[in-house]
Full PDB file with SEQRES, HELIX, SHEET, SSBOND, CRYST1, ORIGX, SCALE, CONECT and MASTER records, all heavy atoms in Angstrom:
SEQRES   1 A   32  TYR GLU PRO ILE GLY THR ASP LYS GLU GLY ASN GLN ILE          
SEQRES   2 A   32  ASN PHE ILE ASP ILE ILE GLU SER GLU GLU PRO ASP VAL          
SEQRES   3 A   32  VAL GLU ARG MET ASP LYS                                      
HELIX    1 AA1 PHE A   15  ILE A   18  1                                   4    
HELIX    2 AA2 PRO A   24  ARG A   29  1                                   6    
SHEET    1 AA1 2 PRO A   3  THR A   6  0                                        
SHEET    2 AA1 2 GLN A  12  ASN A  14 -1                                        
CRYST1    1.000    1.000    1.000  90.00  90.00  90.00 P 1           1          
ORIGX1      1.000000  0.000000  0.000000        0.00000                         
ORIGX2      0.000000  1.000000  0.000000        0.00000                         
ORIGX3      0.000000  0.000000  1.000000        0.00000                         
SCALE1      1.000000  0.000000  0.000000        0.00000                         
SCALE2      0.000000  1.000000  0.000000        0.00000                         
SCALE3      0.000000  0.000000  1.000000        0.00000                         
ATOM      1  N   TYR A   1     -35.485  72.339  18.211  1.00  0.00           N  
ATOM      2  CA  TYR A   1     -35.383  70.883  18.346  1.00  0.00           C  
ATOM      3  C   TYR A   1     -35.471  70.445  19.807  1.00  0.00           C  
ATOM      4  O   TYR A   1     -35.227  69.291  20.128  1.00  0.00           O  
ATOM      5  CB  TYR A   1     -34.069  70.377  17.748  1.00  0.00           C  
ATOM      6  CG  TYR A   1     -34.040  70.431  16.236  1.00  0.00           C  
ATOM      7  CD1 TYR A   1     -33.156  71.279  15.576  1.00  0.00           C  
ATOM      8  CD2 TYR A   1     -34.902  69.651  15.479  1.00  0.00           C  
ATOM      9  CE1 TYR A   1     -33.145  71.342  14.189  1.00  0.00           C  
ATOM     10  CE2 TYR A   1     -34.888  69.711  14.095  1.00  0.00           C  
ATOM     11  CZ  TYR A   1     -34.007  70.552  13.454  1.00  0.00           C  
ATOM     12  OH  TYR A   1     -33.990  70.610  12.080  1.00  0.00           O  
ATOM     13  N   GLU A   2     -35.816  71.359  20.708  1.00  0.00           N  
ATOM     14  CA  GLU A   2     -35.868  71.046  22.126  1.00  0.00           C  
ATOM     15  C   GLU A   2     -37.034  70.113  22.439  1.00  0.00           C  
ATOM     16  O   GLU A   2     -38.170  70.407  22.096  1.00  0.00           O  
ATOM     17  CB  GLU A   2     -36.048  72.344  22.918  1.00  0.00           C  
ATOM     18  CG  GLU A   2     -36.082  72.173  24.421  1.00  0.00           C  
ATOM     19  CD  GLU A   2     -34.695  72.114  25.016  1.00  0.00           C  
ATOM     20  OE1 GLU A   2     -33.729  72.311  24.276  1.00  0.00           O  
ATOM     21  OE2 GLU A   2     -34.610  71.863  26.215  1.00  0.00           O  
ATOM     22  N   PRO A   3     -36.795  68.953  23.065  1.00  0.00           N  
ATOM     23  CA  PRO A   3     -37.910  68.079  23.461  1.00  0.00           C  
ATOM     24  C   PRO A   3     -38.782  68.795  24.493  1.00  0.00           C  
ATOM     25  O   PRO A   3     -38.276  69.321  25.473  1.00  0.00           O  
ATOM     26  CB  PRO A   3     -37.205  66.868  24.082  1.00  0.00           C  
ATOM     27  CG  PRO A   3     -35.799  66.927  23.574  1.00  0.00           C  
ATOM     28  CD  PRO A   3     -35.493  68.381  23.413  1.00  0.00           C  
ATOM     29  N   ILE A   4     -40.101  68.813  24.244  1.00  0.00           N  
ATOM     30  CA  ILE A   4     -40.989  69.504  25.172  1.00  0.00           C  
ATOM     31  C   ILE A   4     -42.101  68.604  25.696  1.00  0.00           C  
ATOM     32  O   ILE A   4     -42.992  69.066  26.394  1.00  0.00           O  
ATOM     33  CB  ILE A   4     -41.618  70.749  24.508  1.00  0.00           C  
ATOM     34  CG1 ILE A   4     -42.411  70.337  23.264  1.00  0.00           C  
ATOM     35  CG2 ILE A   4     -40.569  71.780  24.174  1.00  0.00           C  
ATOM     36  CD1 ILE A   4     -43.183  71.480  22.653  1.00  0.00           C  
ATOM     37  N   GLY A   5     -42.050  67.314  25.365  1.00  0.00           N  
ATOM     38  CA  GLY A   5     -43.081  66.410  25.872  1.00  0.00           C  
ATOM     39  C   GLY A   5     -43.285  65.233  24.936  1.00  0.00           C  
ATOM     40  O   GLY A   5     -42.487  64.978  24.035  1.00  0.00           O  
ATOM     41  N   THR A   6     -44.354  64.504  25.167  1.00  0.00           N  
ATOM     42  CA  THR A   6     -44.691  63.347  24.324  1.00  0.00           C  
ATOM     43  C   THR A   6     -46.161  63.422  23.947  1.00  0.00           C  
ATOM     44  O   THR A   6     -46.982  64.057  24.623  1.00  0.00           O  
ATOM     45  CB  THR A   6     -44.431  62.030  25.073  1.00  0.00           C  
ATOM     46  OG1 THR A   6     -45.174  62.027  26.294  1.00  0.00           O  
ATOM     47  CG2 THR A   6     -42.949  61.862  25.383  1.00  0.00           C  
ATOM     48  N   ASP A   7     -46.505  62.737  22.841  1.00  0.00           N  
ATOM     49  CA  ASP A   7     -47.908  62.709  22.446  1.00  0.00           C  
ATOM     50  C   ASP A   7     -48.612  61.527  23.120  1.00  0.00           C  
ATOM     51  O   ASP A   7     -48.043  60.846  23.973  1.00  0.00           O  
ATOM     52  CB  ASP A   7     -48.024  62.634  20.912  1.00  0.00           C  
ATOM     53  CG  ASP A   7     -47.383  61.375  20.336  1.00  0.00           C  
ATOM     54  OD1 ASP A   7     -47.156  60.404  21.101  1.00  0.00           O  
ATOM     55  OD2 ASP A   7     -47.122  61.362  19.115  1.00  0.00           O  
ATOM     56  N   LYS A   8     -49.867  61.263  22.724  1.00  0.00           N  
ATOM     57  CA  LYS A   8     -50.664  60.231  23.381  1.00  0.00           C  
ATOM     58  C   LYS A   8     -50.076  58.834  23.191  1.00  0.00           C  
ATOM     59  O   LYS A   8     -50.352  57.926  23.966  1.00  0.00           O  
ATOM     60  CB  LYS A   8     -52.093  60.266  22.845  1.00  0.00           C  
ATOM     61  CG  LYS A   8     -52.842  61.522  23.270  1.00  0.00           C  
ATOM     62  CD  LYS A   8     -54.241  61.535  22.668  1.00  0.00           C  
ATOM     63  CE  LYS A   8     -54.981  62.803  23.090  1.00  0.00           C  
ATOM     64  NZ  LYS A   8     -56.336  62.875  22.490  1.00  0.00           N  
ATOM     65  N   GLU A   9     -49.272  58.665  22.138  1.00  0.00           N  
ATOM     66  CA  GLU A   9     -48.671  57.369  21.862  1.00  0.00           C  
ATOM     67  C   GLU A   9     -47.273  57.237  22.454  1.00  0.00           C  
ATOM     68  O   GLU A   9     -46.590  56.238  22.239  1.00  0.00           O  
ATOM     69  CB  GLU A   9     -48.618  57.138  20.349  1.00  0.00           C  
ATOM     70  CG  GLU A   9     -50.006  57.108  19.702  1.00  0.00           C  
ATOM     71  CD  GLU A   9     -49.928  57.002  18.187  1.00  0.00           C  
ATOM     72  OE1 GLU A   9     -48.796  57.001  17.652  1.00  0.00           O  
ATOM     73  OE2 GLU A   9     -50.980  56.918  17.562  1.00  0.00           O  
ATOM     74  N   GLY A  10     -46.829  58.246  23.174  1.00  0.00           N  
ATOM     75  CA  GLY A  10     -45.516  58.195  23.796  1.00  0.00           C  
ATOM     76  C   GLY A  10     -44.386  58.672  22.918  1.00  0.00           C  
ATOM     77  O   GLY A  10     -43.222  58.567  23.292  1.00  0.00           O  
ATOM     78  N   ASN A  11     -44.702  59.212  21.725  1.00  0.00           N  
ATOM     79  CA  ASN A  11     -43.665  59.709  20.827  1.00  0.00           C  
ATOM     80  C   ASN A  11     -43.206  61.096  21.263  1.00  0.00           C  
ATOM     81  O   ASN A  11     -44.021  61.926  21.694  1.00  0.00           O  
ATOM     82  CB  ASN A  11     -44.185  59.784  19.387  1.00  0.00           C  
ATOM     83  CG  ASN A  11     -44.582  58.422  18.856  1.00  0.00           C  
ATOM     84  OD1 ASN A  11     -43.846  57.452  18.999  1.00  0.00           O  
ATOM     85  ND2 ASN A  11     -45.768  58.341  18.269  1.00  0.00           N  
ATOM     86  N   GLN A  12     -41.903  61.348  21.146  1.00  0.00           N  
ATOM     87  CA  GLN A  12     -41.347  62.634  21.558  1.00  0.00           C  
ATOM     88  C   GLN A  12     -41.835  63.758  20.654  1.00  0.00           C  
ATOM     89  O   GLN A  12     -41.868  63.631  19.438  1.00  0.00           O  
ATOM     90  CB  GLN A  12     -39.816  62.569  21.521  1.00  0.00           C  
ATOM     91  CG  GLN A  12     -39.138  63.878  21.934  1.00  0.00           C  
ATOM     92  CD  GLN A  12     -37.634  63.722  22.015  1.00  0.00           C  
ATOM     93  OE1 GLN A  12     -37.102  63.120  22.939  1.00  0.00           O  
ATOM     94  NE2 GLN A  12     -36.936  64.251  21.024  1.00  0.00           N  
ATOM     95  N   ILE A  13     -42.223  64.877  21.277  1.00  0.00           N  
ATOM     96  CA  ILE A  13     -42.633  66.066  20.530  1.00  0.00           C  
ATOM     97  C   ILE A  13     -41.568  67.133  20.716  1.00  0.00           C  
ATOM     98  O   ILE A  13     -41.164  67.426  21.839  1.00  0.00           O  
ATOM     99  CB  ILE A  13     -43.984  66.611  21.041  1.00  0.00           C  
ATOM    100  CG1 ILE A  13     -45.093  65.571  20.863  1.00  0.00           C  
ATOM    101  CG2 ILE A  13     -44.353  67.896  20.299  1.00  0.00           C  
ATOM    102  CD1 ILE A  13     -46.405  65.983  21.497  1.00  0.00           C  
ATOM    103  N   ASN A  14     -41.091  67.719  19.612  1.00  0.00           N  
ATOM    104  CA  ASN A  14     -40.118  68.793  19.653  1.00  0.00           C  
ATOM    105  C   ASN A  14     -40.812  70.117  19.361  1.00  0.00           C  
ATOM    106  O   ASN A  14     -41.918  70.147  18.798  1.00  0.00           O  
ATOM    107  CB  ASN A  14     -39.000  68.581  18.631  1.00  0.00           C  
ATOM    108  CG  ASN A  14     -38.181  67.352  18.948  1.00  0.00           C  
ATOM    109  OD1 ASN A  14     -38.149  66.912  20.094  1.00  0.00           O  
ATOM    110  ND2 ASN A  14     -37.542  66.787  17.952  1.00  0.00           N  
ATOM    111  N   PHE A  15     -40.139  71.219  19.723  1.00  0.00           N  
ATOM    112  CA  PHE A  15     -40.712  72.542  19.485  1.00  0.00           C  
ATOM    113  C   PHE A  15     -41.029  72.759  18.021  1.00  0.00           C  
ATOM    114  O   PHE A  15     -42.033  73.383  17.670  1.00  0.00           O  
ATOM    115  CB  PHE A  15     -39.714  73.603  19.983  1.00  0.00           C  
ATOM    116  CG  PHE A  15     -40.197  75.017  19.830  1.00  0.00           C  
ATOM    117  CD1 PHE A  15     -41.345  75.438  20.479  1.00  0.00           C  
ATOM    118  CD2 PHE A  15     -39.495  75.920  19.069  1.00  0.00           C  
ATOM    119  CE1 PHE A  15     -41.781  76.736  20.354  1.00  0.00           C  
ATOM    120  CE2 PHE A  15     -39.928  77.216  18.934  1.00  0.00           C  
ATOM    121  CZ  PHE A  15     -41.079  77.628  19.583  1.00  0.00           C  
ATOM    122  N   ILE A  16     -40.179  72.223  17.128  1.00  0.00           N  
ATOM    123  CA  ILE A  16     -40.403  72.415  15.701  1.00  0.00           C  
ATOM    124  C   ILE A  16     -41.729  71.801  15.253  1.00  0.00           C  
ATOM    125  O   ILE A  16     -42.341  72.224  14.290  1.00  0.00           O  
ATOM    126  CB  ILE A  16     -39.234  71.823  14.873  1.00  0.00           C  
ATOM    127  CG1 ILE A  16     -39.321  72.283  13.417  1.00  0.00           C  
ATOM    128  CG2 ILE A  16     -39.208  70.311  14.962  1.00  0.00           C  
ATOM    129  CD1 ILE A  16     -38.124  71.913  12.589  1.00  0.00           C  
ATOM    130  N   ASP A  17     -42.195  70.773  15.992  1.00  0.00           N  
ATOM    131  CA  ASP A  17     -43.428  70.078  15.611  1.00  0.00           C  
ATOM    132  C   ASP A  17     -44.679  70.912  15.868  1.00  0.00           C  
ATOM    133  O   ASP A  17     -45.732  70.629  15.301  1.00  0.00           O  
ATOM    134  CB  ASP A  17     -43.548  68.759  16.376  1.00  0.00           C  
ATOM    135  CG  ASP A  17     -42.439  67.792  16.035  1.00  0.00           C  
ATOM    136  OD1 ASP A  17     -42.060  67.723  14.851  1.00  0.00           O  
ATOM    137  OD2 ASP A  17     -41.935  67.127  16.951  1.00  0.00           O  
ATOM    138  N   ILE A  18     -44.569  71.926  16.743  1.00  0.00           N  
ATOM    139  CA  ILE A  18     -45.770  72.698  17.078  1.00  0.00           C  
ATOM    140  C   ILE A  18     -45.586  74.185  16.854  1.00  0.00           C  
ATOM    141  O   ILE A  18     -46.424  74.980  17.250  1.00  0.00           O  
ATOM    142  CB  ILE A  18     -46.189  72.469  18.553  1.00  0.00           C  
ATOM    143  CG1 ILE A  18     -45.101  72.961  19.502  1.00  0.00           C  
ATOM    144  CG2 ILE A  18     -46.508  71.021  18.812  1.00  0.00           C  
ATOM    145  CD1 ILE A  18     -45.543  72.995  20.954  1.00  0.00           C  
ATOM    146  N   ILE A  19     -44.498  74.562  16.203  1.00  0.00           N  
ATOM    147  CA  ILE A  19     -44.173  75.975  16.066  1.00  0.00           C  
ATOM    148  C   ILE A  19     -45.271  76.749  15.355  1.00  0.00           C  
ATOM    149  O   ILE A  19     -45.463  77.936  15.577  1.00  0.00           O  
ATOM    150  CB  ILE A  19     -42.814  76.148  15.330  1.00  0.00           C  
ATOM    151  CG1 ILE A  19     -42.297  77.574  15.496  1.00  0.00           C  
ATOM    152  CG2 ILE A  19     -42.919  75.776  13.876  1.00  0.00           C  
ATOM    153  CD1 ILE A  19     -40.895  77.768  14.977  1.00  0.00           C  
ATOM    154  N   GLU A  20     -46.023  76.088  14.481  1.00  0.00           N  
ATOM    155  CA  GLU A  20     -47.042  76.779  13.717  1.00  0.00           C  
ATOM    156  C   GLU A  20     -48.452  76.528  14.218  1.00  0.00           C  
ATOM    157  O   GLU A  20     -49.401  77.033  13.674  1.00  0.00           O  
ATOM    158  CB  GLU A  20     -46.948  76.379  12.235  1.00  0.00           C  
ATOM    159  CG  GLU A  20     -47.640  75.062  11.861  1.00  0.00           C  
ATOM    160  CD  GLU A  20     -47.078  73.855  12.579  1.00  0.00           C  
ATOM    161  OE1 GLU A  20     -45.994  73.945  13.169  1.00  0.00           O  
ATOM    162  OE2 GLU A  20     -47.737  72.819  12.555  1.00  0.00           O  
ATOM    163  N   SER A  21     -48.621  75.745  15.292  1.00  0.00           N  
ATOM    164  CA  SER A  21     -49.976  75.436  15.746  1.00  0.00           C  
ATOM    165  C   SER A  21     -49.996  75.105  17.226  1.00  0.00           C  
ATOM    166  O   SER A  21     -49.056  74.541  17.753  1.00  0.00           O  
ATOM    167  CB  SER A  21     -50.529  74.242  14.951  1.00  0.00           C  
ATOM    168  OG  SER A  21     -51.790  73.844  15.459  1.00  0.00           O  
ATOM    169  N   GLU A  22     -51.068  75.456  17.889  1.00  0.00           N  
ATOM    170  CA  GLU A  22     -51.235  75.126  19.295  1.00  0.00           C  
ATOM    171  C   GLU A  22     -52.223  73.982  19.485  1.00  0.00           C  
ATOM    172  O   GLU A  22     -52.531  73.604  20.614  1.00  0.00           O  
ATOM    173  CB  GLU A  22     -51.724  76.361  20.065  1.00  0.00           C  
ATOM    174  CG  GLU A  22     -50.728  77.499  20.079  1.00  0.00           C  
ATOM    175  CD  GLU A  22     -51.241  78.716  20.805  1.00  0.00           C  
ATOM    176  OE1 GLU A  22     -52.393  78.690  21.262  1.00  0.00           O  
ATOM    177  OE2 GLU A  22     -50.486  79.685  20.921  1.00  0.00           O  
ATOM    178  N   GLU A  23     -52.745  73.430  18.400  1.00  0.00           N  
ATOM    179  CA  GLU A  23     -53.745  72.383  18.505  1.00  0.00           C  
ATOM    180  C   GLU A  23     -53.083  71.017  18.628  1.00  0.00           C  
ATOM    181  O   GLU A  23     -52.394  70.563  17.712  1.00  0.00           O  
ATOM    182  CB  GLU A  23     -54.655  72.403  17.272  1.00  0.00           C  
ATOM    183  CG  GLU A  23     -55.433  73.693  17.155  1.00  0.00           C  
ATOM    184  CD  GLU A  23     -56.369  73.668  15.960  1.00  0.00           C  
ATOM    185  OE1 GLU A  23     -56.806  72.571  15.579  1.00  0.00           O  
ATOM    186  OE2 GLU A  23     -56.632  74.746  15.423  1.00  0.00           O  
ATOM    187  N   PRO A  24     -53.263  70.298  19.742  1.00  0.00           N  
ATOM    188  CA  PRO A  24     -52.576  69.034  19.972  1.00  0.00           C  
ATOM    189  C   PRO A  24     -52.928  67.956  18.961  1.00  0.00           C  
ATOM    190  O   PRO A  24     -52.117  67.114  18.639  1.00  0.00           O  
ATOM    191  CB  PRO A  24     -53.009  68.631  21.387  1.00  0.00           C  
ATOM    192  CG  PRO A  24     -54.253  69.425  21.647  1.00  0.00           C  
ATOM    193  CD  PRO A  24     -54.086  70.694  20.887  1.00  0.00           C  
ATOM    194  N   ASP A  25     -54.169  67.959  18.415  1.00  0.00           N  
ATOM    195  CA  ASP A  25     -54.517  66.907  17.455  1.00  0.00           C  
ATOM    196  C   ASP A  25     -53.706  67.036  16.177  1.00  0.00           C  
ATOM    197  O   ASP A  25     -53.355  66.039  15.536  1.00  0.00           O  
ATOM    198  CB  ASP A  25     -56.013  66.935  17.135  1.00  0.00           C  
ATOM    199  CG  ASP A  25     -56.449  68.262  16.544  1.00  0.00           C  
ATOM    200  OD1 ASP A  25     -55.932  69.303  16.989  1.00  0.00           O  
ATOM    201  OD2 ASP A  25     -57.310  68.263  15.655  1.00  0.00           O  
ATOM    202  N   VAL A  26     -53.378  68.290  15.786  1.00  0.00           N  
ATOM    203  CA  VAL A  26     -52.533  68.499  14.613  1.00  0.00           C  
ATOM    204  C   VAL A  26     -51.112  68.049  14.919  1.00  0.00           C  
ATOM    205  O   VAL A  26     -50.467  67.370  14.118  1.00  0.00           O  
ATOM    206  CB  VAL A  26     -52.538  69.987  14.198  1.00  0.00           C  
ATOM    207  CG1 VAL A  26     -51.550  70.226  13.078  1.00  0.00           C  
ATOM    208  CG2 VAL A  26     -53.937  70.405  13.779  1.00  0.00           C  
ATOM    209  N   VAL A  27     -50.606  68.421  16.107  1.00  0.00           N  
ATOM    210  CA  VAL A  27     -49.248  68.056  16.509  1.00  0.00           C  
ATOM    211  C   VAL A  27     -49.058  66.551  16.451  1.00  0.00           C  
ATOM    212  O   VAL A  27     -48.037  66.045  15.959  1.00  0.00           O  
ATOM    213  CB  VAL A  27     -48.966  68.559  17.933  1.00  0.00           C  
ATOM    214  CG1 VAL A  27     -47.626  68.035  18.437  1.00  0.00           C  
ATOM    215  CG2 VAL A  27     -48.966  70.078  17.967  1.00  0.00           C  
ATOM    216  N   GLU A  28     -50.010  65.807  16.939  1.00  0.00           N  
ATOM    217  CA  GLU A  28     -49.868  64.359  17.037  1.00  0.00           C  
ATOM    218  C   GLU A  28     -49.827  63.700  15.664  1.00  0.00           C  
ATOM    219  O   GLU A  28     -49.313  62.604  15.518  1.00  0.00           O  
ATOM    220  CB  GLU A  28     -51.028  63.789  17.873  1.00  0.00           C  
ATOM    221  CG  GLU A  28     -50.936  64.189  19.338  1.00  0.00           C  
ATOM    222  CD  GLU A  28     -52.213  63.905  20.106  1.00  0.00           C  
ATOM    223  OE1 GLU A  28     -53.096  63.250  19.538  1.00  0.00           O  
ATOM    224  OE2 GLU A  28     -52.308  64.343  21.258  1.00  0.00           O  
ATOM    225  N   ARG A  29     -50.349  64.359  14.644  1.00  0.00           N  
ATOM    226  CA  ARG A  29     -50.366  63.759  13.326  1.00  0.00           C  
ATOM    227  C   ARG A  29     -49.179  64.168  12.459  1.00  0.00           C  
ATOM    228  O   ARG A  29     -48.976  63.630  11.377  1.00  0.00           O  
ATOM    229  CB  ARG A  29     -51.656  64.174  12.616  1.00  0.00           C  
ATOM    230  CG  ARG A  29     -52.800  63.347  13.147  1.00  0.00           C  
ATOM    231  CD  ARG A  29     -54.097  63.848  12.968  1.00  0.00           C  
ATOM    232  NE  ARG A  29     -54.871  64.189  12.048  1.00  0.00           N  
ATOM    233  CZ  ARG A  29     -55.994  64.957  12.070  1.00  0.00           C  
ATOM    234  NH1 ARG A  29     -56.350  65.567  12.754  1.00  0.00           N  
ATOM    235  NH2 ARG A  29     -56.806  65.160  11.354  1.00  0.00           N  
ATOM    236  N   MET A  30     -48.422  65.179  12.934  1.00  0.00           N  
ATOM    237  CA  MET A  30     -47.312  65.668  12.120  1.00  0.00           C  
ATOM    238  C   MET A  30     -46.107  64.746  12.215  1.00  0.00           C  
ATOM    239  O   MET A  30     -45.723  64.333  13.291  1.00  0.00           O  
ATOM    240  CB  MET A  30     -46.900  67.075  12.587  1.00  0.00           C  
ATOM    241  CG  MET A  30     -47.979  68.132  12.371  1.00  0.00           C  
ATOM    242  SD  MET A  30     -48.520  68.239  10.670  1.00  0.00           S  
ATOM    243  CE  MET A  30     -47.013  68.790   9.908  1.00  0.00           C  
ATOM    244  N   ASP A  31     -45.506  64.471  11.082  1.00  0.00           N  
ATOM    245  CA  ASP A  31     -44.294  63.664  11.041  1.00  0.00           C  
ATOM    246  C   ASP A  31     -43.089  64.597  11.094  1.00  0.00           C  
ATOM    247  O   ASP A  31     -42.996  65.558  10.335  1.00  0.00           O  
ATOM    248  CB  ASP A  31     -44.242  62.847   9.752  1.00  0.00           C  
ATOM    249  CG  ASP A  31     -42.936  62.095   9.608  1.00  0.00           C  
ATOM    250  OD1 ASP A  31     -42.765  61.070  10.278  1.00  0.00           O  
ATOM    251  OD2 ASP A  31     -42.074  62.549   8.836  1.00  0.00           O  
ATOM    252  N   LYS A  32     -42.154  64.312  12.013  1.00  0.00           N  
ATOM    253  CA  LYS A  32     -41.017  65.203  12.237  1.00  0.00           C  
ATOM    254  C   LYS A  32     -40.198  65.451  10.971  1.00  0.00           C  
ATOM    255  O   LYS A  32     -39.887  66.591  10.614  1.00  0.00           O  
ATOM    256  CB  LYS A  32     -40.124  64.607  13.328  1.00  0.00           C  
ATOM    257  CG  LYS A  32     -38.870  65.425  13.607  1.00  0.00           C  
ATOM    258  CD  LYS A  32     -38.059  64.764  14.699  1.00  0.00           C  
ATOM    259  CE  LYS A  32     -36.748  65.492  14.896  1.00  0.00           C  
ATOM    260  NZ  LYS A  32     -35.933  64.868  15.954  1.00  0.00           N  
TER     261      LYS A  32                                                      
MASTER        0    0    0    2    2    0    0    6  260    1    0    3          
END                                                                             
């Protein structure tokens, strides 16, 4: 749950949001 940055819209991204993928376009579309 560690905050590691924000997406293009300024929304907070947590480690859990990208644990399964390194592709930023997928991360930005995932709902926490």
